[in-house]
């Protein structure tokens, strides 16, 4: 693996959790970044991570032979969701037993940002 650019900042909403190791914290996530047309693959480490959460990363772009262009996060900070869409994704991600995508949508519709 070879870095293709110096460290930079990247932030956005986690759309999909592709992989997460509970033991090491290693994770591969797909992030919707404002100003980018396609989702960005971010590779990093976090003890706990879920779709709908907002992440702030510092790292560099890496063109992996097998997996293509990725943002390799040296630091990855997870911020709880604050938008209605983020809250709905977070609740519907399976983190809370008994709440799936459909019920999450109903909760957000009924309570808005006060659902937490």
N, C-alpha and C. Protein backbone atom coordinates (compact mmCIF):
# COMPACT_ATOMS: atom_id res chain seq x y z
N UNK A 1 0.84 -1.18 0.00
CA UNK A 1 0.00 0.00 0.00
C UNK A 1 0.88 1.24 0.00
N UNK A 2 0.44 2.20 -0.76
CA UNK A 2 1.23 3.40 -0.90
C UNK A 2 0.33 4.62 -0.83
N UNK A 3 0.71 5.59 -0.02
CA UNK A 3 -0.08 6.81 0.11
C UNK A 3 0.03 7.61 -1.18
N UNK A 4 -1.10 8.16 -1.63
CA UNK A 4 -1.09 8.94 -2.86
C UNK A 4 -1.16 10.43 -2.59
N UNK A 5 -1.38 10.85 -1.35
CA UNK A 5 -1.42 12.27 -1.04
C UNK A 5 -1.14 12.49 0.44
N UNK A 6 -0.80 13.73 0.84
CA UNK A 6 -0.56 14.02 2.26
C UNK A 6 -1.85 13.93 3.06
N UNK A 7 -1.72 13.98 4.39
CA UNK A 7 -2.90 13.87 5.25
C UNK A 7 -3.88 15.00 4.99
N UNK A 8 -5.15 14.63 5.03
CA UNK A 8 -6.22 15.62 4.88
C UNK A 8 -7.40 15.20 5.73
N UNK A 9 -8.39 16.09 5.83
CA UNK A 9 -9.58 15.82 6.63
C UNK A 9 -10.73 15.39 5.73
N UNK A 10 -11.57 14.52 6.28
CA UNK A 10 -12.74 14.03 5.56
C UNK A 10 -13.83 13.80 6.59
N UNK A 11 -15.05 14.20 6.28
CA UNK A 11 -16.15 13.98 7.22
C UNK A 11 -17.43 13.70 6.46
N UNK A 12 -18.32 12.96 7.10
CA UNK A 12 -19.60 12.64 6.48
C UNK A 12 -20.38 11.63 7.29
N UNK A 13 -21.50 11.21 6.73
CA UNK A 13 -22.41 10.27 7.40
C UNK A 13 -22.10 8.86 6.94
N UNK A 14 -22.03 7.94 7.89
CA UNK A 14 -21.79 6.53 7.57
C UNK A 14 -23.07 5.96 6.96
N UNK A 15 -22.96 5.52 5.72
CA UNK A 15 -24.11 4.92 5.03
C UNK A 15 -24.13 3.41 5.23
N UNK A 16 -22.94 2.81 5.27
CA UNK A 16 -22.88 1.35 5.38
C UNK A 16 -21.64 0.93 6.16
N UNK A 17 -21.82 -0.04 7.03
CA UNK A 17 -20.72 -0.64 7.76
C UNK A 17 -20.38 -1.94 7.03
N UNK A 18 -19.28 -1.93 6.29
CA UNK A 18 -18.89 -3.09 5.50
C UNK A 18 -18.25 -4.16 6.38
N UNK A 19 -17.39 -3.73 7.30
CA UNK A 19 -16.71 -4.67 8.20
C UNK A 19 -16.32 -3.95 9.48
N UNK A 20 -16.45 -4.65 10.61
CA UNK A 20 -15.97 -4.11 11.89
C UNK A 20 -15.54 -5.27 12.78
N UNK A 21 -14.32 -5.22 13.26
CA UNK A 21 -13.81 -6.23 14.19
C UNK A 21 -14.00 -5.73 15.62
N UNK A 22 -14.76 -6.46 16.41
CA UNK A 22 -14.97 -6.09 17.81
C UNK A 22 -13.66 -6.17 18.60
N UNK A 23 -12.79 -7.10 18.20
CA UNK A 23 -11.54 -7.31 18.93
C UNK A 23 -10.52 -6.20 18.71
N UNK A 24 -10.33 -5.79 17.46
CA UNK A 24 -9.28 -4.81 17.14
C UNK A 24 -9.82 -3.42 16.86
N UNK A 25 -11.11 -3.31 16.54
CA UNK A 25 -11.69 -2.02 16.18
C UNK A 25 -11.54 -1.68 14.71
N UNK A 26 -10.79 -2.51 13.97
CA UNK A 26 -10.59 -2.26 12.54
C UNK A 26 -11.95 -2.21 11.84
N UNK A 27 -12.13 -1.22 10.99
CA UNK A 27 -13.41 -1.11 10.29
C UNK A 27 -13.24 -0.61 8.86
N UNK A 28 -14.19 -1.01 8.04
CA UNK A 28 -14.30 -0.53 6.67
C UNK A 28 -15.72 0.01 6.56
N UNK A 29 -15.84 1.30 6.26
CA UNK A 29 -17.15 1.93 6.20
C UNK A 29 -17.31 2.69 4.88
N UNK A 30 -18.55 2.86 4.48
CA UNK A 30 -18.88 3.67 3.30
C UNK A 30 -19.51 4.95 3.82
N UNK A 31 -18.93 6.08 3.42
CA UNK A 31 -19.33 7.37 3.96
C UNK A 31 -19.82 8.29 2.84
N UNK A 32 -20.94 8.95 3.10
CA UNK A 32 -21.45 9.96 2.17
C UNK A 32 -20.83 11.29 2.58
N UNK A 33 -19.97 11.81 1.70
CA UNK A 33 -19.23 13.03 1.98
C UNK A 33 -19.83 14.16 1.15
N UNK A 34 -20.11 15.27 1.80
CA UNK A 34 -20.67 16.43 1.11
C UNK A 34 -19.69 16.89 0.04
N UNK A 35 -20.21 17.12 -1.16
CA UNK A 35 -19.37 17.58 -2.26
C UNK A 35 -18.81 16.47 -3.13
N UNK A 36 -18.99 15.22 -2.71
CA UNK A 36 -18.54 14.07 -3.51
C UNK A 36 -19.76 13.34 -4.03
N UNK A 37 -19.72 12.98 -5.30
CA UNK A 37 -20.86 12.33 -5.94
C UNK A 37 -21.08 10.91 -5.40
N UNK A 38 -20.01 10.15 -5.29
CA UNK A 38 -20.10 8.77 -4.83
C UNK A 38 -19.68 8.66 -3.37
N UNK A 39 -20.12 7.57 -2.74
CA UNK A 39 -19.70 7.32 -1.37
C UNK A 39 -18.21 7.01 -1.36
N UNK A 40 -17.57 7.28 -0.23
CA UNK A 40 -16.14 7.07 -0.06
C UNK A 40 -15.93 5.88 0.88
N UNK A 41 -15.00 5.01 0.52
CA UNK A 41 -14.63 3.91 1.41
C UNK A 41 -13.57 4.42 2.37
N UNK A 42 -13.85 4.28 3.66
CA UNK A 42 -12.92 4.71 4.71
C UNK A 42 -12.48 3.48 5.48
N UNK A 43 -11.18 3.35 5.67
CA UNK A 43 -10.59 2.25 6.44
C UNK A 43 -9.93 2.87 7.66
N UNK A 44 -10.26 2.35 8.85
CA UNK A 44 -9.68 2.90 10.07
C UNK A 44 -9.96 2.02 11.25
N UNK A 45 -9.98 2.63 12.43
CA UNK A 45 -10.24 1.88 13.66
C UNK A 45 -11.14 2.68 14.58
N UNK A 46 -12.14 1.99 15.13
CA UNK A 46 -13.06 2.60 16.08
C UNK A 46 -13.64 1.49 16.94
N UNK A 47 -13.70 1.69 18.26
CA UNK A 47 -14.24 0.64 19.12
C UNK A 47 -15.71 0.33 18.85
N UNK A 48 -16.46 1.34 18.43
CA UNK A 48 -17.88 1.17 18.16
C UNK A 48 -18.27 2.09 17.02
N UNK A 49 -19.02 1.56 16.06
CA UNK A 49 -19.39 2.37 14.89
C UNK A 49 -20.67 1.82 14.28
N UNK A 50 -21.55 2.73 13.79
CA UNK A 50 -22.84 2.31 13.24
C UNK A 50 -23.25 3.21 12.09
N UNK A 51 -24.05 2.68 11.16
CA UNK A 51 -24.60 3.51 10.11
C UNK A 51 -25.44 4.64 10.71
N UNK A 52 -25.39 5.80 10.07
CA UNK A 52 -26.13 6.96 10.55
C UNK A 52 -25.29 7.89 11.38
N UNK A 53 -24.18 7.38 11.92
CA UNK A 53 -23.31 8.24 12.71
C UNK A 53 -22.48 9.13 11.78
N UNK A 54 -22.07 10.25 12.30
CA UNK A 54 -21.25 11.19 11.55
C UNK A 54 -19.80 10.95 11.96
N UNK A 55 -18.90 10.85 10.98
CA UNK A 55 -17.49 10.63 11.29
C UNK A 55 -16.64 11.79 10.80
N UNK A 56 -15.61 12.08 11.56
CA UNK A 56 -14.60 13.05 11.17
C UNK A 56 -13.27 12.30 11.16
N UNK A 57 -12.61 12.30 10.01
CA UNK A 57 -11.39 11.51 9.83
C UNK A 57 -10.23 12.41 9.39
N UNK A 58 -9.05 12.00 9.79
CA UNK A 58 -7.82 12.60 9.28
C UNK A 58 -6.99 11.44 8.76
N UNK A 59 -6.51 11.57 7.54
CA UNK A 59 -5.75 10.48 6.95
C UNK A 59 -5.28 10.82 5.56
N UNK A 60 -5.17 9.79 4.74
CA UNK A 60 -4.67 9.99 3.38
C UNK A 60 -5.36 9.03 2.42
N UNK A 61 -5.32 9.38 1.16
CA UNK A 61 -5.90 8.54 0.11
C UNK A 61 -4.92 7.45 -0.25
N UNK A 62 -5.46 6.26 -0.45
CA UNK A 62 -4.64 5.10 -0.78
C UNK A 62 -5.33 4.32 -1.89
N UNK A 63 -4.57 3.97 -2.92
CA UNK A 63 -5.14 3.16 -4.00
C UNK A 63 -4.69 1.72 -3.80
N UNK A 64 -5.55 0.95 -3.14
CA UNK A 64 -5.26 -0.45 -2.82
C UNK A 64 -5.42 -1.30 -4.08
N UNK A 65 -4.48 -2.19 -4.32
CA UNK A 65 -4.53 -3.04 -5.52
C UNK A 65 -5.81 -3.85 -5.62
N UNK A 66 -6.23 -4.40 -4.49
CA UNK A 66 -7.39 -5.28 -4.49
C UNK A 66 -8.72 -4.54 -4.33
N UNK A 67 -8.73 -3.48 -3.53
CA UNK A 67 -10.00 -2.82 -3.18
C UNK A 67 -10.18 -1.43 -3.79
N UNK A 68 -9.21 -0.93 -4.50
CA UNK A 68 -9.35 0.37 -5.15
C UNK A 68 -9.07 1.54 -4.22
N UNK A 69 -9.58 2.71 -4.61
CA UNK A 69 -9.31 3.94 -3.88
C UNK A 69 -10.04 3.94 -2.53
N UNK A 70 -9.27 4.20 -1.47
CA UNK A 70 -9.80 4.23 -0.12
C UNK A 70 -9.18 5.41 0.63
N UNK A 71 -9.92 5.89 1.63
CA UNK A 71 -9.36 6.89 2.53
C UNK A 71 -8.91 6.15 3.77
N UNK A 72 -7.62 6.14 4.03
CA UNK A 72 -7.07 5.44 5.19
C UNK A 72 -6.99 6.43 6.34
N UNK A 73 -7.88 6.24 7.31
CA UNK A 73 -7.99 7.18 8.43
C UNK A 73 -6.95 6.87 9.50
N UNK A 74 -6.13 7.86 9.81
CA UNK A 74 -5.18 7.76 10.91
C UNK A 74 -5.94 8.01 12.22
N UNK A 75 -6.85 8.98 12.20
CA UNK A 75 -7.77 9.20 13.32
C UNK A 75 -9.19 9.18 12.77
N UNK A 76 -10.07 8.58 13.53
CA UNK A 76 -11.47 8.46 13.13
C UNK A 76 -12.33 8.74 14.36
N UNK A 77 -13.02 9.87 14.35
CA UNK A 77 -13.87 10.26 15.48
C UNK A 77 -15.33 10.12 15.08
N UNK A 78 -16.09 9.43 15.91
CA UNK A 78 -17.51 9.23 15.65
C UNK A 78 -18.31 10.25 16.46
N UNK A 79 -19.23 10.92 15.77
CA UNK A 79 -20.09 11.92 16.39
C UNK A 79 -21.52 11.40 16.29
N UNK A 80 -22.30 11.41 17.38
CA UNK A 80 -23.69 10.93 17.30
C UNK A 80 -24.48 11.68 16.23
N UNK A 81 -25.45 11.01 15.61
CA UNK A 81 -26.21 11.65 14.54
C UNK A 81 -27.03 12.83 15.06
N UNK A 82 -27.16 13.86 14.22
CA UNK A 82 -27.94 15.03 14.62
C UNK A 82 -29.03 15.36 13.60
N UNK A 83 -28.93 14.80 12.39
CA UNK A 83 -29.97 15.04 11.39
C UNK A 83 -31.03 13.96 11.50
N UNK A 84 -32.22 14.24 11.01
CA UNK A 84 -33.30 13.25 11.06
C UNK A 84 -32.93 12.00 10.28
N UNK A 85 -32.31 12.19 9.12
CA UNK A 85 -31.89 11.04 8.31
C UNK A 85 -30.84 10.21 9.05
N UNK A 86 -29.90 10.88 9.69
CA UNK A 86 -28.86 10.18 10.44
C UNK A 86 -29.42 9.43 11.63
N UNK A 87 -30.36 10.06 12.34
CA UNK A 87 -30.99 9.41 13.49
C UNK A 87 -31.75 8.16 13.03
N UNK A 88 -32.46 8.29 11.92
CA UNK A 88 -33.23 7.15 11.40
C UNK A 88 -32.31 6.00 11.01
N UNK A 89 -31.21 6.29 10.32
CA UNK A 89 -30.26 5.24 9.93
C UNK A 89 -29.64 4.60 11.17
N UNK A 90 -29.30 5.42 12.14
CA UNK A 90 -28.69 4.92 13.37
C UNK A 90 -29.63 3.97 14.10
N UNK A 91 -30.88 4.41 14.30
CA UNK A 91 -31.84 3.57 15.01
C UNK A 91 -32.17 2.29 14.23
N UNK A 92 -32.23 2.39 12.91
CA UNK A 92 -32.58 1.24 12.08
C UNK A 92 -31.43 0.32 11.76
N UNK A 93 -30.25 0.62 12.28
CA UNK A 93 -29.06 -0.16 11.94
C UNK A 93 -28.98 -1.51 12.65
N UNK A 94 -29.86 -1.74 13.63
CA UNK A 94 -29.82 -2.99 14.37
C UNK A 94 -29.10 -2.87 15.70
N UNK A 95 -28.61 -1.69 16.02
CA UNK A 95 -27.92 -1.49 17.30
C UNK A 95 -28.87 -1.66 18.48
N UNK A 96 -30.11 -1.23 18.28
CA UNK A 96 -31.10 -1.34 19.35
C UNK A 96 -32.02 -2.51 19.01
N UNK A 97 -32.01 -3.52 19.86
CA UNK A 97 -32.81 -4.72 19.61
C UNK A 97 -34.29 -4.35 19.50
N UNK A 98 -34.93 -4.87 18.46
CA UNK A 98 -36.35 -4.63 18.27
C UNK A 98 -36.67 -3.43 17.40
N UNK A 99 -35.66 -2.64 17.05
CA UNK A 99 -35.90 -1.48 16.19
C UNK A 99 -35.20 -1.70 14.86
N UNK A 100 -36.00 -1.87 13.83
CA UNK A 100 -35.48 -2.03 12.48
C UNK A 100 -35.73 -0.76 11.69
N UNK A 101 -35.43 -0.78 10.40
CA UNK A 101 -35.60 0.42 9.57
C UNK A 101 -37.03 0.98 9.57
N UNK A 102 -38.03 0.10 9.54
CA UNK A 102 -39.42 0.56 9.48
C UNK A 102 -39.83 1.26 10.78
N UNK A 103 -39.53 0.64 11.91
CA UNK A 103 -39.89 1.24 13.20
C UNK A 103 -39.08 2.51 13.45
N UNK A 104 -37.83 2.52 13.01
CA UNK A 104 -36.99 3.71 13.16
C UNK A 104 -37.61 4.89 12.42
N UNK A 105 -38.13 4.62 11.22
CA UNK A 105 -38.78 5.67 10.44
C UNK A 105 -39.99 6.22 11.19
N UNK A 106 -40.78 5.33 11.79
CA UNK A 106 -41.96 5.75 12.54
C UNK A 106 -41.57 6.59 13.77
N UNK A 107 -40.52 6.16 14.47
CA UNK A 107 -40.06 6.91 15.64
C UNK A 107 -39.61 8.31 15.27
N UNK A 108 -38.82 8.41 14.21
CA UNK A 108 -38.32 9.71 13.79
C UNK A 108 -39.47 10.59 13.31
N UNK A 109 -40.42 10.00 12.62
CA UNK A 109 -41.58 10.76 12.15
C UNK A 109 -42.39 11.30 13.34
N UNK A 110 -42.53 10.48 14.38
CA UNK A 110 -43.34 10.87 15.54
C UNK A 110 -42.61 11.85 16.47
N UNK A 111 -41.31 11.64 16.70
CA UNK A 111 -40.60 12.42 17.71
C UNK A 111 -39.54 13.36 17.16
N UNK A 112 -39.19 13.22 15.89
CA UNK A 112 -38.17 14.09 15.30
C UNK A 112 -36.83 13.94 15.99
N UNK A 113 -36.16 15.06 16.20
CA UNK A 113 -34.83 15.05 16.83
C UNK A 113 -34.90 14.71 18.31
N UNK A 114 -36.10 14.72 18.90
CA UNK A 114 -36.26 14.41 20.32
C UNK A 114 -36.35 12.92 20.60
N UNK A 115 -36.14 12.09 19.59
CA UNK A 115 -36.25 10.64 19.77
C UNK A 115 -35.20 10.11 20.75
N UNK A 116 -34.08 10.79 20.87
CA UNK A 116 -33.05 10.37 21.83
C UNK A 116 -33.44 10.91 23.17
